[in-house]
């Protein structure tokens, strides 16, 4: 009987632990007050916080996005998954190869069309996704830490309206 290899989670790029935050980019005063510039800075800070939190779980951002989409849509045809998250098919294949190699997703022939692959989460994938969701929520709580609970609620409501996101 062949020896089985231990399951691995996709590895994140190595980054120095507890590295100081880079200095804020300098922008002309007329730019620094634009909502678009401020939103961009806040988004960059949020992405960095979430990326660090996911890296602590051994995950990269796109791996997390794909796992979350499969959880929402699965079983889902691989092509539909790529269109749904707007990821180039070649990039999606690489992410799915990593996730499948780590035992987090399975690709099987789609029962509706056997020419296509259907992607589903494994039990390990569901468990990792739960840990990543907890880590991402903590990172977002850190991002919004300067705001009171009422300010957070109002801010999120305003962001959803500005971004035109349906709740």
C-alpha atoms as a PDB file:
ATOM      1  CA  UNK A   1       0.000   0.000   0.000  1.00  0.00           C
ATOM      2  CA  UNK A   2       1.526   3.367  -0.960  1.00  0.00           C
ATOM      3  CA  UNK A   3       2.302   5.759   1.839  1.00  0.00           C
ATOM      4  CA  UNK A   4       0.013   8.758   1.928  1.00  0.00           C
ATOM      5  CA  UNK A   5       1.495  12.180   2.128  1.00  0.00           C
ATOM      6  CA  UNK A   6       0.260  14.586   4.779  1.00  0.00           C
ATOM      7  CA  UNK A   7      -2.159  17.210   3.608  1.00  0.00           C
ATOM      8  CA  UNK A   8      -0.707  20.657   3.308  1.00  0.00           C
ATOM      9  CA  UNK A   9      -2.410  23.991   3.131  1.00  0.00           C
ATOM     10  CA  UNK A  10      -1.209  26.339   0.412  1.00  0.00           C
ATOM     11  CA  UNK A  11       1.732  28.294   1.660  1.00  0.00           C
ATOM     12  CA  UNK A  12       1.697  32.047   1.727  1.00  0.00           C
ATOM     13  CA  UNK A  13       4.694  34.082   0.685  1.00  0.00           C
ATOM     14  CA  UNK A  14       7.105  34.491   3.542  1.00  0.00           C
ATOM     15  CA  UNK A  15       7.036  37.914   5.121  1.00  0.00           C
ATOM     16  CA  UNK A  16       8.981  39.199   8.082  1.00  0.00           C
ATOM     17  CA  UNK A  17       7.008  38.858  11.302  1.00  0.00           C
ATOM     18  CA  UNK A  18       5.878  42.072  12.970  1.00  0.00           C
ATOM     19  CA  UNK A  19       7.454  44.288  10.341  1.00  0.00           C
ATOM     20  CA  UNK A  20       6.701  47.962  10.826  1.00  0.00           C
ATOM     21  CA  UNK A  21       4.055  49.459   8.579  1.00  0.00           C
ATOM     22  CA  UNK A  22       5.459  51.302   5.584  1.00  0.00           C
ATOM     23  CA  UNK A  23       5.143  55.074   5.737  1.00  0.00           C
ATOM     24  CA  UNK A  24       1.966  56.480   4.229  1.00  0.00           C
ATOM     25  CA  UNK A  25       2.494  57.644   0.672  1.00  0.00           C
ATOM     26  CA  UNK A  26       2.822  61.360   0.361  1.00  0.00           C
ATOM     27  CA  UNK A  27       0.222  62.950  -1.853  1.00  0.00           C
ATOM     28  CA  UNK A  28      -0.456  66.586  -2.591  1.00  0.00           C
ATOM     29  CA  UNK A  29      -2.902  68.174  -0.164  1.00  0.00           C
ATOM     30  CA  UNK A  30      -5.528  68.514  -2.913  1.00  0.00           C
ATOM     31  CA  UNK A  31      -5.388  64.724  -3.389  1.00  0.00           C
ATOM     32  CA  UNK A  32      -5.253  63.669   0.287  1.00  0.00           C
ATOM     33  CA  UNK A  33      -8.710  65.074   0.918  1.00  0.00           C
ATOM     34  CA  UNK A  34     -10.445  63.304  -1.982  1.00  0.00           C
ATOM     35  CA  UNK A  35     -12.823  60.538  -0.871  1.00  0.00           C
ATOM     36  CA  UNK A  36     -11.462  58.286  -3.622  1.00  0.00           C
ATOM     37  CA  UNK A  37      -7.898  58.650  -2.305  1.00  0.00           C
ATOM     38  CA  UNK A  38      -9.009  58.053   1.299  1.00  0.00           C
ATOM     39  CA  UNK A  39     -11.048  54.995   0.287  1.00  0.00           C
ATOM     40  CA  UNK A  40      -8.047  53.654  -1.622  1.00  0.00           C
ATOM     41  CA  UNK A  41      -5.801  54.065   1.433  1.00  0.00           C
ATOM     42  CA  UNK A  42      -8.370  52.407   3.687  1.00  0.00           C
ATOM     43  CA  UNK A  43      -8.820  49.565   1.190  1.00  0.00           C
ATOM     44  CA  UNK A  44      -5.061  49.017   0.935  1.00  0.00           C
ATOM     45  CA  UNK A  45      -4.790  48.885   4.727  1.00  0.00           C
ATOM     46  CA  UNK A  46      -7.724  46.478   4.934  1.00  0.00           C
ATOM     47  CA  UNK A  47      -6.276  44.177   2.245  1.00  0.00           C
ATOM     48  CA  UNK A  48      -2.917  44.116   4.040  1.00  0.00           C
ATOM     49  CA  UNK A  49      -4.537  43.269   7.390  1.00  0.00           C
ATOM     50  CA  UNK A  50      -6.643  40.486   5.860  1.00  0.00           C
ATOM     51  CA  UNK A  51      -3.710  39.134   3.830  1.00  0.00           C
ATOM     52  CA  UNK A  52      -1.593  38.922   7.000  1.00  0.00           C
ATOM     53  CA  UNK A  53      -4.421  37.207   8.885  1.00  0.00           C
ATOM     54  CA  UNK A  54      -4.890  34.673   6.086  1.00  0.00           C
ATOM     55  CA  UNK A  55      -1.145  34.083   5.834  1.00  0.00           C
ATOM     56  CA  UNK A  56      -1.193  33.075   9.505  1.00  0.00           C
ATOM     57  CA  UNK A  57      -3.585  30.281   8.404  1.00  0.00           C
ATOM     58  CA  UNK A  58      -1.279  29.380   5.503  1.00  0.00           C
ATOM     59  CA  UNK A  59      -3.617  30.928   2.933  1.00  0.00           C
ATOM     60  CA  UNK A  60      -3.248  33.441   0.142  1.00  0.00           C
ATOM     61  CA  UNK A  61      -5.990  35.911  -0.724  1.00  0.00           C
ATOM     62  CA  UNK A  62      -7.118  34.252  -3.992  1.00  0.00           C
ATOM     63  CA  UNK A  63      -7.107  30.818  -2.368  1.00  0.00           C
ATOM     64  CA  UNK A  64      -9.460  32.187   0.275  1.00  0.00           C
ATOM     65  CA  UNK A  65     -11.695  33.818  -2.353  1.00  0.00           C
ATOM     66  CA  UNK A  66     -11.956  30.538  -4.266  1.00  0.00           C
ATOM     67  CA  UNK A  67     -12.710  28.517  -1.116  1.00  0.00           C
ATOM     68  CA  UNK A  68     -15.404  30.999  -0.083  1.00  0.00           C
ATOM     69  CA  UNK A  69     -16.964  30.975  -3.562  1.00  0.00           C
ATOM     70  CA  UNK A  70     -17.002  27.176  -3.663  1.00  0.00           C
ATOM     71  CA  UNK A  71     -18.684  27.184  -0.244  1.00  0.00           C
ATOM     72  CA  UNK A  72     -21.359  29.555  -1.568  1.00  0.00           C
ATOM     73  CA  UNK A  73     -21.849  27.942  -4.980  1.00  0.00           C
ATOM     74  CA  UNK A  74     -20.631  24.360  -4.643  1.00  0.00           C
ATOM     75  CA  UNK A  75     -20.746  22.027  -6.219  1.00  0.00           C
ATOM     76  CA  UNK A  76     -19.930  24.451  -8.996  1.00  0.00           C
ATOM     77  CA  UNK A  77     -18.609  23.982 -12.503  1.00  0.00           C
ATOM     78  CA  UNK A  78     -15.024  25.176 -12.662  1.00  0.00           C
ATOM     79  CA  UNK A  79     -15.798  27.554 -15.555  1.00  0.00           C
ATOM     80  CA  UNK A  80     -18.764  29.067 -13.680  1.00  0.00           C
ATOM     81  CA  UNK A  81     -16.582  29.506 -10.610  1.00  0.00           C
ATOM     82  CA  UNK A  82     -13.981  31.452 -12.590  1.00  0.00           C
ATOM     83  CA  UNK A  83     -16.622  33.683 -14.173  1.00  0.00           C
ATOM     84  CA  UNK A  84     -18.302  34.244 -10.812  1.00  0.00           C
ATOM     85  CA  UNK A  85     -15.163  35.537  -9.116  1.00  0.00           C
ATOM     86  CA  UNK A  86     -13.737  37.093 -12.285  1.00  0.00           C
ATOM     87  CA  UNK A  87     -10.505  35.112 -12.186  1.00  0.00           C
ATOM     88  CA  UNK A  88      -8.706  34.205 -15.390  1.00  0.00           C
ATOM     89  CA  UNK A  89      -9.176  30.471 -16.138  1.00  0.00           C
ATOM     90  CA  UNK A  90      -5.399  29.825 -16.162  1.00  0.00           C
ATOM     91  CA  UNK A  91      -5.029  31.473 -12.755  1.00  0.00           C
ATOM     92  CA  UNK A  92      -8.038  29.574 -11.420  1.00  0.00           C
ATOM     93  CA  UNK A  93      -6.512  26.259 -12.480  1.00  0.00           C
ATOM     94  CA  UNK A  94      -3.344  27.078 -10.524  1.00  0.00           C
ATOM     95  CA  UNK A  95      -5.303  28.026  -7.402  1.00  0.00           C
ATOM     96  CA  UNK A  96      -7.499  24.911  -7.685  1.00  0.00           C
ATOM     97  CA  UNK A  97      -4.412  22.725  -8.173  1.00  0.00           C
ATOM     98  CA  UNK A  98      -2.981  24.147  -4.942  1.00  0.00           C
ATOM     99  CA  UNK A  99      -6.257  23.715  -3.058  1.00  0.00           C
ATOM    100  CA  UNK A 100      -6.816  20.187  -4.368  1.00  0.00           C
ATOM    101  CA  UNK A 101      -3.216  19.229  -3.605  1.00  0.00           C
ATOM    102  CA  UNK A 102      -3.778  20.404  -0.037  1.00  0.00           C
ATOM    103  CA  UNK A 103      -6.964  18.335   0.229  1.00  0.00           C
ATOM    104  CA  UNK A 104      -9.220  21.386   0.531  1.00  0.00           C
ATOM    105  CA  UNK A 105     -11.324  20.939  -2.633  1.00  0.00           C
ATOM    106  CA  UNK A 106     -12.231  18.094  -4.953  1.00  0.00           C
ATOM    107  CA  UNK A 107     -12.764  18.293  -8.699  1.00  0.00           C
ATOM    108  CA  UNK A 108     -14.985  15.610 -10.146  1.00  0.00           C
ATOM    109  CA  UNK A 109     -16.844  15.328 -13.431  1.00  0.00           C
ATOM    110  CA  UNK A 110     -19.946  17.539 -13.323  1.00  0.00           C
ATOM    111  CA  UNK A 111     -23.030  15.284 -13.240  1.00  0.00           C
ATOM    112  CA  UNK A 112     -24.866  17.807 -15.471  1.00  0.00           C
ATOM    113  CA  UNK A 113     -22.115  17.863 -18.098  1.00  0.00           C
ATOM    114  CA  UNK A 114     -19.349  15.275 -17.758  1.00  0.00           C
ATOM    115  CA  UNK A 115     -17.065  17.374 -19.990  1.00  0.00           C
ATOM    116  CA  UNK A 116     -16.813  19.887 -17.133  1.00  0.00           C
ATOM    117  CA  UNK A 117     -15.357  19.652 -13.645  1.00  0.00           C
ATOM    118  CA  UNK A 118     -17.485  20.322 -10.568  1.00  0.00           C
ATOM    119  CA  UNK A 119     -15.634  21.751  -7.583  1.00  0.00           C
ATOM    120  CA  UNK A 120     -16.658  20.979  -3.993  1.00  0.00           C
ATOM    121  CA  UNK A 121     -15.146  21.660  -0.587  1.00  0.00           C
ATOM    122  CA  UNK A 122     -13.749  18.858   1.498  1.00  0.00           C
ATOM    123  CA  UNK A 123     -14.231  18.690   5.263  1.00  0.00           C
ATOM    124  CA  UNK A 124     -10.701  20.094   5.654  1.00  0.00           C
ATOM    125  CA  UNK A 125     -11.589  22.922   3.258  1.00  0.00           C
ATOM    126  CA  UNK A 126     -14.700  23.801   5.284  1.00  0.00           C
ATOM    127  CA  UNK A 127     -12.705  23.789   8.530  1.00  0.00           C
ATOM    128  CA  UNK A 128      -9.976  26.012   7.070  1.00  0.00           C
ATOM    129  CA  UNK A 129     -12.565  28.370   5.606  1.00  0.00           C
ATOM    130  CA  UNK A 130     -14.147  28.768   9.071  1.00  0.00           C
ATOM    131  CA  UNK A 131     -10.738  29.636  10.565  1.00  0.00           C
ATOM    132  CA  UNK A 132     -10.031  32.079   7.738  1.00  0.00           C
ATOM    133  CA  UNK A 133     -13.427  33.747   8.196  1.00  0.00           C
ATOM    134  CA  UNK A 134     -12.646  34.246  11.881  1.00  0.00           C
ATOM    135  CA  UNK A 135      -9.215  35.656  11.033  1.00  0.00           C
ATOM    136  CA  UNK A 136     -10.659  37.992   8.371  1.00  0.00           C
ATOM    137  CA  UNK A 137     -13.335  39.254  10.786  1.00  0.00           C
ATOM    138  CA  UNK A 138     -10.630  39.990  13.374  1.00  0.00           C
ATOM    139  CA  UNK A 139      -8.559  41.849  10.754  1.00  0.00           C
ATOM    140  CA  UNK A 140     -11.580  43.917   9.755  1.00  0.00           C
ATOM    141  CA  UNK A 141     -12.333  44.654  13.413  1.00  0.00           C
ATOM    142  CA  UNK A 142      -8.768  45.972  13.665  1.00  0.00           C
ATOM    143  CA  UNK A 143      -9.307  48.072  10.534  1.00  0.00           C
ATOM    144  CA  UNK A 144     -12.442  49.636  12.000  1.00  0.00           C
ATOM    145  CA  UNK A 145     -11.036  49.793  15.542  1.00  0.00           C
ATOM    146  CA  UNK A 146     -10.971  53.596  15.706  1.00  0.00           C
ATOM    147  CA  UNK A 147     -14.759  53.691  15.215  1.00  0.00           C
ATOM    148  CA  UNK A 148     -17.467  53.152  17.816  1.00  0.00           C
ATOM    149  CA  UNK A 149     -20.018  50.378  17.217  1.00  0.00           C
ATOM    150  CA  UNK A 150     -22.569  52.937  15.975  1.00  0.00           C
ATOM    151  CA  UNK A 151     -19.980  54.564  13.702  1.00  0.00           C
ATOM    152  CA  UNK A 152     -19.026  51.160  12.267  1.00  0.00           C
ATOM    153  CA  UNK A 153     -22.645  50.387  11.438  1.00  0.00           C
ATOM    154  CA  UNK A 154     -23.163  53.798   9.812  1.00  0.00           C
ATOM    155  CA  UNK A 155     -19.833  53.566   7.971  1.00  0.00           C
ATOM    156  CA  UNK A 156     -20.626  50.111   6.553  1.00  0.00           C
ATOM    157  CA  UNK A 157     -24.068  51.305   5.476  1.00  0.00           C
ATOM    158  CA  UNK A 158     -22.507  54.281   3.696  1.00  0.00           C
ATOM    159  CA  UNK A 159     -19.804  52.133   2.070  1.00  0.00           C
ATOM    160  CA  UNK A 160     -22.430  49.735   0.736  1.00  0.00           C
ATOM    161  CA  UNK A 161     -24.372  52.635  -0.768  1.00  0.00           C
ATOM    162  CA  UNK A 162     -21.263  54.218  -2.282  1.00  0.00           C
ATOM    163  CA  UNK A 163     -20.100  50.874  -3.664  1.00  0.00           C
ATOM    164  CA  UNK A 164     -23.660  50.066  -4.791  1.00  0.00           C
ATOM    165  CA  UNK A 165     -23.520  46.678  -3.115  1.00  0.00           C
ATOM    166  CA  UNK A 166     -26.831  44.973  -2.446  1.00  0.00           C
ATOM    167  CA  UNK A 167     -27.039  43.533   1.075  1.00  0.00           C
END
